[in-house]
Amino acid sequence: MAKDRDRIARDLHDLVIQRLFATGMQLQAARSSADLDGLRERVDEAVAELDTAIDDLRATIFELGRGGGRSLHEAVRALIGEYAPVLGFLPVLRTTGPVDTALAPEVADGVLMTLREALSNVARHASASSASIDLEASPGRFTLRLTDDGCGFDPDTVTRGQGLDNAAHRAEALGGRVDLTSAPGEGTRLTWTVPALG
């Protein structure tokens, strides 16, 4: 538990506090700008950074509150319930295999952080009316899949956000991968796959 608290404190310092400090510096620099378009652009960038910091804080608070031996399935249900009012609908959750015993606790935390980032993206960008979440545990592999029926986009023309980059780095650090498929008018599917316990 002390080890977890130390890691969370490091994450808060390295991710959130540093981001907030950099955003403050960005806003201070913007104050001295005489270029109105440049000022707007800097403020928009600062707002985006603040949104990311808020998401990081929420994920950390959620992780701190998750304790008490709650299973991954229960934690995912709680997260879905938290996002339902923001989304305007309750995503469907499907599980296959022993999802509650397939992952080490720190990897299960990665599933929750990735799902939080993905649901946040759906809420902000997808204009979706429904979504489904699949958790699949098979020998040697665990998959999280989030599919929405939103507006979709062309992955070749849209810059990936930091949330997706975080999900990809998290998967790659565990020996896994992230796949994103989307097309305009056809919704989006995020698939996050990592090795599972034997």
N, C-alpha and C. Protein backbone atom coordinates (compact mmCIF):
# COMPACT_ATOMS: atom_id res chain seq x y z
N MET A 1 0.82 -1.20 0.00
CA MET A 1 0.00 0.00 0.00
C MET A 1 0.86 1.26 0.00
N ALA A 2 1.93 1.26 0.81
CA ALA A 2 2.83 2.41 0.84
C ALA A 2 3.51 2.57 -0.51
N LYS A 3 3.85 1.45 -1.16
CA LYS A 3 4.47 1.50 -2.47
C LYS A 3 3.51 2.13 -3.49
N ASP A 4 2.23 1.75 -3.41
CA ASP A 4 1.21 2.34 -4.30
C ASP A 4 1.06 3.83 -4.06
N ARG A 5 1.06 4.24 -2.78
CA ARG A 5 0.92 5.66 -2.48
C ARG A 5 2.10 6.45 -3.03
N ASP A 6 3.32 5.88 -2.92
CA ASP A 6 4.50 6.55 -3.46
C ASP A 6 4.41 6.69 -4.98
N ARG A 7 3.95 5.63 -5.65
CA ARG A 7 3.81 5.69 -7.10
C ARG A 7 2.78 6.73 -7.51
N ILE A 8 1.64 6.76 -6.80
CA ILE A 8 0.59 7.74 -7.11
C ILE A 8 1.10 9.15 -6.88
N ALA A 9 1.85 9.37 -5.81
CA ALA A 9 2.42 10.70 -5.55
C ALA A 9 3.37 11.10 -6.67
N ARG A 10 4.20 10.15 -7.16
CA ARG A 10 5.10 10.45 -8.27
C ARG A 10 4.30 10.80 -9.52
N ASP A 11 3.24 10.01 -9.79
CA ASP A 11 2.42 10.28 -10.97
C ASP A 11 1.78 11.65 -10.90
N LEU A 12 1.27 12.01 -9.72
CA LEU A 12 0.65 13.33 -9.57
C LEU A 12 1.68 14.43 -9.83
N HIS A 13 2.89 14.25 -9.30
CA HIS A 13 3.92 15.26 -9.49
C HIS A 13 4.36 15.32 -10.95
N ASP A 14 4.68 14.15 -11.51
CA ASP A 14 5.26 14.12 -12.85
C ASP A 14 4.24 14.46 -13.92
N LEU A 15 3.01 14.02 -13.75
CA LEU A 15 2.01 14.22 -14.80
C LEU A 15 1.18 15.48 -14.59
N VAL A 16 0.58 15.59 -13.43
CA VAL A 16 -0.43 16.64 -13.23
C VAL A 16 0.22 17.97 -12.85
N ILE A 17 1.04 17.98 -11.81
CA ILE A 17 1.61 19.25 -11.34
C ILE A 17 2.49 19.88 -12.42
N GLN A 18 3.30 19.08 -13.09
CA GLN A 18 4.15 19.63 -14.15
C GLN A 18 3.31 20.18 -15.29
N ARG A 19 2.21 19.49 -15.63
CA ARG A 19 1.34 19.97 -16.71
C ARG A 19 0.68 21.28 -16.31
N LEU A 20 0.21 21.37 -15.07
CA LEU A 20 -0.43 22.61 -14.61
C LEU A 20 0.58 23.76 -14.58
N PHE A 21 1.80 23.48 -14.16
CA PHE A 21 2.84 24.51 -14.13
C PHE A 21 3.11 25.01 -15.55
N ALA A 22 3.26 24.08 -16.50
CA ALA A 22 3.53 24.47 -17.89
C ALA A 22 2.36 25.26 -18.47
N THR A 23 1.14 24.89 -18.11
CA THR A 23 -0.03 25.61 -18.60
C THR A 23 -0.05 27.03 -18.04
N GLY A 24 0.29 27.18 -16.77
CA GLY A 24 0.37 28.51 -16.18
C GLY A 24 1.39 29.39 -16.89
N MET A 25 2.53 28.81 -17.21
CA MET A 25 3.56 29.56 -17.95
C MET A 25 3.05 29.97 -19.33
N GLN A 26 2.31 29.06 -19.96
CA GLN A 26 1.75 29.33 -21.28
C GLN A 26 0.77 30.51 -21.22
N LEU A 27 -0.06 30.53 -20.19
CA LEU A 27 -1.03 31.62 -20.03
C LEU A 27 -0.33 32.94 -19.72
N GLN A 28 0.73 32.89 -18.92
CA GLN A 28 1.49 34.11 -18.63
C GLN A 28 2.09 34.69 -19.90
N ALA A 29 2.64 33.82 -20.75
CA ALA A 29 3.22 34.27 -22.02
C ALA A 29 2.13 34.85 -22.92
N ALA A 30 0.94 34.26 -22.88
CA ALA A 30 -0.15 34.72 -23.73
C ALA A 30 -0.59 36.13 -23.35
N ARG A 31 -0.48 36.48 -22.08
CA ARG A 31 -0.90 37.81 -21.62
C ARG A 31 -0.15 38.92 -22.33
N SER A 32 1.09 38.64 -22.70
CA SER A 32 1.91 39.68 -23.31
C SER A 32 1.81 39.69 -24.84
N SER A 33 0.97 38.83 -25.39
CA SER A 33 0.84 38.75 -26.84
C SER A 33 -0.09 39.84 -27.36
N ALA A 34 0.36 40.52 -28.43
CA ALA A 34 -0.48 41.54 -29.06
C ALA A 34 -1.30 40.94 -30.21
N ASP A 35 -0.95 39.73 -30.60
CA ASP A 35 -1.62 39.06 -31.72
C ASP A 35 -2.87 38.35 -31.20
N LEU A 36 -4.05 38.83 -31.58
CA LEU A 36 -5.31 38.28 -31.06
C LEU A 36 -5.51 36.83 -31.46
N ASP A 37 -5.19 36.48 -32.72
CA ASP A 37 -5.34 35.08 -33.16
C ASP A 37 -4.37 34.17 -32.40
N GLY A 38 -3.15 34.67 -32.20
CA GLY A 38 -2.18 33.89 -31.44
C GLY A 38 -2.61 33.71 -30.00
N LEU A 39 -3.22 34.75 -29.44
CA LEU A 39 -3.72 34.68 -28.07
C LEU A 39 -4.82 33.62 -27.95
N ARG A 40 -5.74 33.65 -28.90
CA ARG A 40 -6.82 32.64 -28.89
C ARG A 40 -6.25 31.23 -28.97
N GLU A 41 -5.27 31.04 -29.84
CA GLU A 41 -4.68 29.72 -30.02
C GLU A 41 -4.00 29.26 -28.73
N ARG A 42 -3.28 30.16 -28.07
CA ARG A 42 -2.60 29.79 -26.81
C ARG A 42 -3.61 29.47 -25.71
N VAL A 43 -4.70 30.23 -25.65
CA VAL A 43 -5.72 29.94 -24.64
C VAL A 43 -6.37 28.59 -24.92
N ASP A 44 -6.66 28.30 -26.20
CA ASP A 44 -7.24 27.00 -26.56
C ASP A 44 -6.30 25.86 -26.17
N GLU A 45 -5.02 26.03 -26.42
CA GLU A 45 -4.03 25.00 -26.04
C GLU A 45 -4.00 24.82 -24.52
N ALA A 46 -4.06 25.94 -23.79
CA ALA A 46 -4.04 25.87 -22.33
C ALA A 46 -5.28 25.16 -21.80
N VAL A 47 -6.44 25.44 -22.39
CA VAL A 47 -7.67 24.77 -21.97
C VAL A 47 -7.56 23.27 -22.22
N ALA A 48 -7.01 22.88 -23.37
CA ALA A 48 -6.83 21.45 -23.67
C ALA A 48 -5.90 20.79 -22.65
N GLU A 49 -4.82 21.48 -22.27
CA GLU A 49 -3.91 20.94 -21.27
C GLU A 49 -4.59 20.80 -19.91
N LEU A 50 -5.41 21.79 -19.55
CA LEU A 50 -6.14 21.71 -18.28
C LEU A 50 -7.13 20.55 -18.29
N ASP A 51 -7.80 20.32 -19.42
CA ASP A 51 -8.70 19.17 -19.54
C ASP A 51 -7.96 17.87 -19.31
N THR A 52 -6.76 17.77 -19.89
CA THR A 52 -5.95 16.55 -19.71
C THR A 52 -5.54 16.39 -18.25
N ALA A 53 -5.16 17.49 -17.60
CA ALA A 53 -4.78 17.42 -16.18
C ALA A 53 -5.96 16.99 -15.33
N ILE A 54 -7.15 17.49 -15.65
CA ILE A 54 -8.36 17.08 -14.92
C ILE A 54 -8.60 15.59 -15.09
N ASP A 55 -8.45 15.08 -16.33
CA ASP A 55 -8.63 13.65 -16.56
C ASP A 55 -7.62 12.83 -15.75
N ASP A 56 -6.35 13.31 -15.71
CA ASP A 56 -5.33 12.60 -14.93
C ASP A 56 -5.69 12.57 -13.44
N LEU A 57 -6.17 13.71 -12.93
CA LEU A 57 -6.57 13.76 -11.52
C LEU A 57 -7.74 12.82 -11.24
N ARG A 58 -8.72 12.83 -12.13
CA ARG A 58 -9.87 11.93 -11.95
C ARG A 58 -9.43 10.47 -11.92
N ALA A 59 -8.52 10.11 -12.85
CA ALA A 59 -8.03 8.73 -12.90
C ALA A 59 -7.31 8.37 -11.60
N THR A 60 -6.51 9.29 -11.09
CA THR A 60 -5.78 9.02 -9.85
C THR A 60 -6.72 8.90 -8.67
N ILE A 61 -7.69 9.80 -8.59
CA ILE A 61 -8.68 9.74 -7.50
C ILE A 61 -9.47 8.44 -7.58
N PHE A 62 -9.82 8.05 -8.82
CA PHE A 62 -10.57 6.80 -9.00
C PHE A 62 -9.73 5.62 -8.52
N GLU A 63 -8.44 5.65 -8.88
CA GLU A 63 -7.56 4.56 -8.47
C GLU A 63 -7.45 4.50 -6.95
N LEU A 64 -7.33 5.65 -6.30
CA LEU A 64 -7.24 5.68 -4.84
C LEU A 64 -8.52 5.15 -4.20
N GLY A 65 -9.66 5.47 -4.81
CA GLY A 65 -10.92 5.05 -4.24
C GLY A 65 -11.33 3.64 -4.59
N ARG A 66 -10.58 3.04 -5.54
CA ARG A 66 -10.99 1.72 -6.03
C ARG A 66 -10.74 0.64 -4.99
N GLY A 67 -9.66 0.74 -4.25
CA GLY A 67 -9.24 -0.26 -3.27
C GLY A 67 -10.29 -1.19 -2.73
N GLY A 68 -10.08 -1.75 -1.59
CA GLY A 68 -11.06 -2.57 -0.91
C GLY A 68 -11.35 -3.87 -1.62
N GLY A 69 -10.45 -4.33 -2.50
CA GLY A 69 -10.64 -5.62 -3.12
C GLY A 69 -11.72 -5.65 -4.19
N ARG A 70 -12.13 -4.52 -4.72
CA ARG A 70 -13.14 -4.50 -5.77
C ARG A 70 -12.59 -5.20 -7.01
N SER A 71 -13.40 -6.04 -7.63
CA SER A 71 -12.96 -6.75 -8.83
C SER A 71 -12.89 -5.80 -10.02
N LEU A 72 -12.18 -6.21 -11.05
CA LEU A 72 -12.09 -5.41 -12.26
C LEU A 72 -13.48 -5.21 -12.86
N HIS A 73 -14.26 -6.27 -12.90
CA HIS A 73 -15.63 -6.19 -13.43
C HIS A 73 -16.45 -5.14 -12.68
N GLU A 74 -16.37 -5.14 -11.37
CA GLU A 74 -17.11 -4.16 -10.56
C GLU A 74 -16.59 -2.75 -10.79
N ALA A 75 -15.25 -2.61 -10.90
CA ALA A 75 -14.66 -1.29 -11.11
C ALA A 75 -15.05 -0.74 -12.48
N VAL A 76 -15.11 -1.59 -13.50
CA VAL A 76 -15.53 -1.15 -14.83
C VAL A 76 -17.00 -0.74 -14.80
N ARG A 77 -17.84 -1.51 -14.11
CA ARG A 77 -19.26 -1.14 -14.00
C ARG A 77 -19.41 0.23 -13.32
N ALA A 78 -18.64 0.47 -12.28
CA ALA A 78 -18.70 1.76 -11.58
C ALA A 78 -18.26 2.89 -12.50
N LEU A 79 -17.22 2.65 -13.29
CA LEU A 79 -16.74 3.67 -14.22
C LEU A 79 -17.77 3.97 -15.31
N ILE A 80 -18.41 2.94 -15.81
CA ILE A 80 -19.47 3.13 -16.81
C ILE A 80 -20.61 3.95 -16.21
N GLY A 81 -20.98 3.63 -14.97
CA GLY A 81 -22.04 4.38 -14.30
C GLY A 81 -21.67 5.84 -14.10
N GLU A 82 -20.39 6.10 -13.84
CA GLU A 82 -19.91 7.47 -13.66
C GLU A 82 -20.04 8.27 -14.96
N TYR A 83 -19.77 7.60 -16.11
CA TYR A 83 -19.79 8.30 -17.39
C TYR A 83 -21.15 8.34 -18.05
N ALA A 84 -22.10 7.52 -17.61
CA ALA A 84 -23.41 7.48 -18.27
C ALA A 84 -24.08 8.85 -18.36
N PRO A 85 -24.10 9.67 -17.28
CA PRO A 85 -24.74 10.99 -17.39
C PRO A 85 -24.03 11.91 -18.39
N VAL A 86 -22.72 11.78 -18.50
CA VAL A 86 -21.96 12.61 -19.44
C VAL A 86 -22.21 12.17 -20.88
N LEU A 87 -22.30 10.86 -21.07
CA LEU A 87 -22.52 10.31 -22.41
C LEU A 87 -23.97 10.49 -22.87
N GLY A 88 -24.89 10.46 -21.90
CA GLY A 88 -26.31 10.50 -22.25
C GLY A 88 -26.90 9.13 -22.48
N PHE A 89 -26.15 8.08 -22.21
CA PHE A 89 -26.61 6.70 -22.34
C PHE A 89 -25.71 5.81 -21.50
N LEU A 90 -26.16 4.60 -21.23
CA LEU A 90 -25.38 3.63 -20.46
C LEU A 90 -24.74 2.63 -21.43
N PRO A 91 -23.42 2.63 -21.58
CA PRO A 91 -22.80 1.65 -22.47
C PRO A 91 -23.08 0.22 -22.02
N VAL A 92 -23.16 -0.68 -22.98
CA VAL A 92 -23.36 -2.10 -22.72
C VAL A 92 -22.02 -2.72 -22.37
N LEU A 93 -21.98 -3.52 -21.31
CA LEU A 93 -20.75 -4.21 -20.90
C LEU A 93 -20.92 -5.70 -21.11
N ARG A 94 -19.95 -6.30 -21.83
CA ARG A 94 -19.93 -7.75 -22.04
C ARG A 94 -18.58 -8.29 -21.59
N THR A 95 -18.59 -9.43 -20.92
CA THR A 95 -17.33 -10.04 -20.49
C THR A 95 -17.25 -11.47 -21.01
N THR A 96 -16.03 -11.87 -21.32
CA THR A 96 -15.77 -13.23 -21.78
C THR A 96 -14.53 -13.74 -21.05
N GLY A 97 -14.67 -14.87 -20.41
CA GLY A 97 -13.53 -15.45 -19.71
C GLY A 97 -13.35 -14.88 -18.31
N PRO A 98 -12.29 -15.33 -17.62
CA PRO A 98 -12.05 -14.94 -16.23
C PRO A 98 -11.40 -13.55 -16.10
N VAL A 99 -12.15 -12.52 -16.43
CA VAL A 99 -11.58 -11.16 -16.47
C VAL A 99 -11.06 -10.70 -15.11
N ASP A 100 -11.65 -11.19 -14.02
CA ASP A 100 -11.25 -10.71 -12.70
C ASP A 100 -9.95 -11.33 -12.20
N THR A 101 -9.50 -12.40 -12.82
CA THR A 101 -8.27 -13.06 -12.36
C THR A 101 -7.19 -13.09 -13.44
N ALA A 102 -7.44 -12.46 -14.59
CA ALA A 102 -6.52 -12.57 -15.72
C ALA A 102 -5.34 -11.61 -15.64
N LEU A 103 -5.44 -10.58 -14.79
CA LEU A 103 -4.42 -9.53 -14.79
C LEU A 103 -3.88 -9.27 -13.40
N ALA A 104 -2.61 -8.86 -13.34
CA ALA A 104 -2.05 -8.36 -12.09
C ALA A 104 -2.73 -7.03 -11.76
N PRO A 105 -2.79 -6.64 -10.47
CA PRO A 105 -3.51 -5.41 -10.10
C PRO A 105 -3.05 -4.17 -10.84
N GLU A 106 -1.74 -4.02 -11.07
CA GLU A 106 -1.27 -2.81 -11.75
C GLU A 106 -1.71 -2.79 -13.22
N VAL A 107 -1.85 -3.97 -13.83
CA VAL A 107 -2.33 -4.04 -15.21
C VAL A 107 -3.83 -3.75 -15.25
N ALA A 108 -4.57 -4.25 -14.26
CA ALA A 108 -5.99 -3.94 -14.17
C ALA A 108 -6.21 -2.44 -14.02
N ASP A 109 -5.34 -1.77 -13.28
CA ASP A 109 -5.41 -0.31 -13.17
C ASP A 109 -5.21 0.34 -14.54
N GLY A 110 -4.33 -0.23 -15.35
CA GLY A 110 -4.11 0.27 -16.71
C GLY A 110 -5.36 0.13 -17.57
N VAL A 111 -6.10 -0.95 -17.39
CA VAL A 111 -7.36 -1.14 -18.11
C VAL A 111 -8.32 -0.01 -17.75
N LEU A 112 -8.42 0.29 -16.46
CA LEU A 112 -9.35 1.33 -16.01
C LEU A 112 -8.94 2.71 -16.52
N MET A 113 -7.65 3.02 -16.50
CA MET A 113 -7.20 4.33 -16.99
C MET A 113 -7.45 4.46 -18.48
N THR A 114 -7.20 3.37 -19.21
CA THR A 114 -7.43 3.39 -20.66
C THR A 114 -8.91 3.55 -20.97
N LEU A 115 -9.75 2.82 -20.25
CA LEU A 115 -11.19 2.93 -20.47
C LEU A 115 -11.70 4.33 -20.13
N ARG A 116 -11.17 4.91 -19.06
CA ARG A 116 -11.58 6.27 -18.68
C ARG A 116 -11.24 7.25 -19.80
N GLU A 117 -10.03 7.16 -20.33
CA GLU A 117 -9.62 8.05 -21.42
C GLU A 117 -10.50 7.84 -22.66
N ALA A 118 -10.80 6.57 -22.96
CA ALA A 118 -11.61 6.27 -24.14
C ALA A 118 -13.05 6.78 -23.99
N LEU A 119 -13.64 6.59 -22.81
CA LEU A 119 -15.00 7.09 -22.57
C LEU A 119 -15.03 8.61 -22.62
N SER A 120 -13.99 9.24 -22.12
CA SER A 120 -13.91 10.70 -22.17
C SER A 120 -13.88 11.17 -23.62
N ASN A 121 -13.13 10.47 -24.47
CA ASN A 121 -13.08 10.82 -25.90
C ASN A 121 -14.44 10.65 -26.56
N VAL A 122 -15.13 9.58 -26.22
CA VAL A 122 -16.48 9.37 -26.78
C VAL A 122 -17.39 10.52 -26.38
N ALA A 123 -17.33 10.90 -25.11
CA ALA A 123 -18.20 11.97 -24.61
C ALA A 123 -17.89 13.30 -25.28
N ARG A 124 -16.61 13.57 -25.53
CA ARG A 124 -16.22 14.88 -26.08
C ARG A 124 -16.32 14.98 -27.60
N HIS A 125 -16.09 13.85 -28.30
CA HIS A 125 -15.91 13.97 -29.75
C HIS A 125 -16.86 13.14 -30.60
N ALA A 126 -17.45 12.08 -30.07
CA ALA A 126 -18.10 11.10 -30.94
C ALA A 126 -19.53 11.43 -31.33
N SER A 127 -20.25 12.21 -30.50
CA SER A 127 -21.70 12.42 -30.73
C SER A 127 -22.41 11.08 -30.89
N ALA A 128 -22.05 10.13 -30.04
CA ALA A 128 -22.60 8.78 -30.13
C ALA A 128 -23.92 8.67 -29.38
N SER A 129 -24.73 7.69 -29.80
CA SER A 129 -25.98 7.41 -29.08
C SER A 129 -25.91 6.07 -28.36
N SER A 130 -24.86 5.29 -28.63
CA SER A 130 -24.66 4.02 -27.92
C SER A 130 -23.20 3.61 -28.03
N ALA A 131 -22.81 2.74 -27.11
CA ALA A 131 -21.45 2.20 -27.12
C ALA A 131 -21.46 0.86 -26.41
N SER A 132 -20.50 0.02 -26.75
CA SER A 132 -20.35 -1.26 -26.06
C SER A 132 -18.91 -1.42 -25.62
N ILE A 133 -18.76 -2.07 -24.48
CA ILE A 133 -17.44 -2.34 -23.91
C ILE A 133 -17.32 -3.85 -23.74
N ASP A 134 -16.27 -4.41 -24.31
CA ASP A 134 -16.01 -5.85 -24.19
C ASP A 134 -14.72 -6.06 -23.43
N LEU A 135 -14.78 -6.90 -22.42
CA LEU A 135 -13.60 -7.36 -21.69
C LEU A 135 -13.46 -8.84 -21.99
N GLU A 136 -12.33 -9.22 -22.56
CA GLU A 136 -12.13 -10.62 -22.96
C GLU A 136 -10.82 -11.14 -22.36
N ALA A 137 -10.93 -12.22 -21.60
CA ALA A 137 -9.75 -12.86 -21.02
C ALA A 137 -9.63 -14.26 -21.61
N SER A 138 -8.52 -14.53 -22.26
CA SER A 138 -8.25 -15.86 -22.81
C SER A 138 -6.85 -16.25 -22.37
N PRO A 139 -6.46 -17.51 -22.52
CA PRO A 139 -5.12 -17.89 -22.07
C PRO A 139 -4.04 -17.01 -22.71
N GLY A 140 -3.35 -16.27 -21.86
CA GLY A 140 -2.24 -15.46 -22.33
C GLY A 140 -2.58 -14.08 -22.86
N ARG A 141 -3.89 -13.74 -22.96
CA ARG A 141 -4.22 -12.43 -23.54
C ARG A 141 -5.46 -11.83 -22.90
N PHE A 142 -5.43 -10.50 -22.73
CA PHE A 142 -6.58 -9.76 -22.23
C PHE A 142 -6.87 -8.62 -23.20
N THR A 143 -8.14 -8.46 -23.55
CA THR A 143 -8.52 -7.42 -24.50
C THR A 143 -9.63 -6.56 -23.93
N LEU A 144 -9.45 -5.26 -24.04
CA LEU A 144 -10.49 -4.27 -23.78
C LEU A 144 -10.87 -3.68 -25.13
N ARG A 145 -12.18 -3.69 -25.43
CA ARG A 145 -12.65 -3.13 -26.70
C ARG A 145 -13.79 -2.17 -26.42
N LEU A 146 -13.69 -0.96 -26.93
CA LEU A 146 -14.76 0.02 -26.81
C LEU A 146 -15.20 0.40 -28.22
N THR A 147 -16.48 0.20 -28.51
CA THR A 147 -17.03 0.50 -29.83
C THR A 147 -18.18 1.48 -29.66
N ASP A 148 -18.16 2.56 -30.46
CA ASP A 148 -19.28 3.52 -30.40
C ASP A 148 -19.88 3.70 -31.79
N ASP A 149 -21.11 4.21 -31.83
CA ASP A 149 -21.82 4.43 -33.10
C ASP A 149 -21.80 5.91 -33.49
N GLY A 150 -20.76 6.61 -33.08
CA GLY A 150 -20.69 8.05 -33.29
C GLY A 150 -20.30 8.45 -34.69
N CYS A 151 -19.90 9.71 -34.81
CA CYS A 151 -19.64 10.31 -36.13
C CYS A 151 -18.40 9.74 -36.80
N GLY A 152 -17.50 9.14 -36.04
CA GLY A 152 -16.28 8.59 -36.61
C GLY A 152 -15.37 9.68 -37.17
N PHE A 153 -14.24 9.25 -37.73
CA PHE A 153 -13.27 10.18 -38.30
C PHE A 153 -12.31 9.41 -39.16
N ASP A 154 -11.51 10.12 -39.92
CA ASP A 154 -10.47 9.51 -40.74
C ASP A 154 -9.18 9.51 -39.93
N PRO A 155 -8.71 8.36 -39.46
CA PRO A 155 -7.50 8.33 -38.61
C PRO A 155 -6.26 8.91 -39.29
N ASP A 156 -6.24 8.94 -40.63
CA ASP A 156 -5.08 9.47 -41.34
C ASP A 156 -5.02 10.99 -41.33
N THR A 157 -6.16 11.64 -41.04
CA THR A 157 -6.18 13.11 -41.10
C THR A 157 -6.38 13.77 -39.74
N VAL A 158 -6.53 12.96 -38.69
CA VAL A 158 -6.75 13.51 -37.35
C VAL A 158 -5.53 13.23 -36.49
N THR A 159 -5.04 14.27 -35.81
CA THR A 159 -3.89 14.11 -34.92
C THR A 159 -4.32 13.35 -33.67
N ARG A 160 -3.55 12.33 -33.34
CA ARG A 160 -3.87 11.57 -32.13
C ARG A 160 -3.68 12.43 -30.90
N GLY A 161 -4.63 12.30 -29.96
CA GLY A 161 -4.54 13.06 -28.72
C GLY A 161 -3.64 12.37 -27.71
N GLN A 162 -3.35 13.08 -26.65
CA GLN A 162 -2.47 12.54 -25.62
C GLN A 162 -3.09 11.33 -24.93
N GLY A 163 -4.42 11.32 -24.78
CA GLY A 163 -5.07 10.18 -24.14
C GLY A 163 -4.81 8.89 -24.88
N LEU A 164 -4.91 8.92 -26.22
CA LEU A 164 -4.66 7.73 -27.01
C LEU A 164 -3.18 7.36 -26.96
N ASP A 165 -2.31 8.36 -26.99
CA ASP A 165 -0.88 8.07 -26.86
C ASP A 165 -0.57 7.42 -25.52
N ASN A 166 -1.21 7.91 -24.44
CA ASN A 166 -1.03 7.30 -23.12
C ASN A 166 -1.46 5.84 -23.13
N ALA A 167 -2.62 5.57 -23.75
CA ALA A 167 -3.13 4.19 -23.82
C ALA A 167 -2.16 3.30 -24.60
N ALA A 168 -1.63 3.84 -25.69
CA ALA A 168 -0.68 3.06 -26.51
C ALA A 168 0.60 2.78 -25.73
N HIS A 169 1.15 3.80 -25.06
CA HIS A 169 2.39 3.62 -24.28
C HIS A 169 2.16 2.61 -23.15
N ARG A 170 0.99 2.71 -22.52
CA ARG A 170 0.67 1.81 -21.42
C ARG A 170 0.63 0.36 -21.92
N ALA A 171 -0.01 0.14 -23.06
CA ALA A 171 -0.08 -1.21 -23.62
C ALA A 171 1.29 -1.71 -24.04
N GLU A 172 2.05 -0.85 -24.74
CA GLU A 172 3.37 -1.26 -25.23
C GLU A 172 4.32 -1.58 -24.08
N ALA A 173 4.23 -0.83 -22.98
CA ALA A 173 5.09 -1.10 -21.82
C ALA A 173 4.80 -2.47 -21.22
N LEU A 174 3.59 -2.97 -21.45
CA LEU A 174 3.20 -4.28 -20.94
C LEU A 174 3.36 -5.39 -21.98
N GLY A 175 3.89 -5.04 -23.14
CA GLY A 175 4.04 -6.02 -24.20
C GLY A 175 2.79 -6.18 -25.04
N GLY A 176 1.92 -5.17 -25.03
CA GLY A 176 0.67 -5.24 -25.79
C GLY A 176 0.62 -4.20 -26.88
N ARG A 177 -0.62 -3.88 -27.32
CA ARG A 177 -0.79 -2.93 -28.41
C ARG A 177 -2.17 -2.31 -28.38
N VAL A 178 -2.32 -1.21 -29.12
CA VAL A 178 -3.60 -0.53 -29.29
C VAL A 178 -3.90 -0.47 -30.78
N ASP A 179 -5.15 -0.78 -31.14
CA ASP A 179 -5.61 -0.63 -32.51
C ASP A 179 -6.82 0.29 -32.51
N LEU A 180 -6.85 1.23 -33.44
CA LEU A 180 -7.97 2.16 -33.55
C LEU A 180 -8.49 2.10 -34.97
N THR A 181 -9.79 1.81 -35.11
CA THR A 181 -10.40 1.80 -36.43
C THR A 181 -11.59 2.74 -36.41
N SER A 182 -11.68 3.56 -37.46
CA SER A 182 -12.78 4.51 -37.57
C SER A 182 -12.88 4.99 -39.00
N ALA A 183 -14.04 5.52 -39.33
CA ALA A 183 -14.27 6.16 -40.63
C ALA A 183 -15.40 7.14 -40.44
N PRO A 184 -15.40 8.23 -41.21
CA PRO A 184 -16.48 9.21 -41.06
C PRO A 184 -17.86 8.56 -41.21
N GLY A 185 -18.72 8.81 -40.21
CA GLY A 185 -20.07 8.28 -40.22
C GLY A 185 -20.21 6.84 -39.80
N GLU A 186 -19.09 6.19 -39.42
CA GLU A 186 -19.14 4.76 -39.11
C GLU A 186 -18.70 4.42 -37.70
N GLY A 187 -18.61 5.41 -36.82
CA GLY A 187 -18.23 5.13 -35.44
C GLY A 187 -16.75 4.83 -35.29
N THR A 188 -16.38 4.42 -34.08
CA THR A 188 -14.97 4.18 -33.76
C THR A 188 -14.85 2.94 -32.89
N ARG A 189 -13.78 2.19 -33.09
CA ARG A 189 -13.49 1.04 -32.25
C ARG A 189 -12.05 1.13 -31.76
N LEU A 190 -11.89 1.10 -30.44
CA LEU A 190 -10.57 1.07 -29.81
C LEU A 190 -10.37 -0.32 -29.22
N THR A 191 -9.27 -0.96 -29.56
CA THR A 191 -8.95 -2.28 -29.03
C THR A 191 -7.59 -2.21 -28.33
N TRP A 192 -7.60 -2.54 -27.03
CA TRP A 192 -6.40 -2.46 -26.19
C TRP A 192 -6.11 -3.88 -25.71
N THR A 193 -4.99 -4.45 -26.15
CA THR A 193 -4.68 -5.85 -25.85
C THR A 193 -3.34 -5.95 -25.15
N VAL A 194 -3.31 -6.72 -24.05
CA VAL A 194 -2.08 -6.92 -23.29
C VAL A 194 -1.98 -8.39 -22.89
N PRO A 195 -0.76 -8.85 -22.58
CA PRO A 195 -0.63 -10.22 -22.11
C PRO A 195 -1.36 -10.42 -20.78
N ALA A 196 -1.94 -11.59 -20.59
CA ALA A 196 -2.62 -11.93 -19.36
C ALA A 196 -1.79 -12.92 -18.56
N LEU A 197 -2.18 -13.10 -17.31
CA LEU A 197 -1.50 -14.10 -16.48
C LEU A 197 -1.78 -15.49 -17.04
N GLY A 198 -0.77 -16.38 -16.88
CA GLY A 198 -0.87 -17.75 -17.38
C GLY A 198 -2.20 -18.34 -17.21
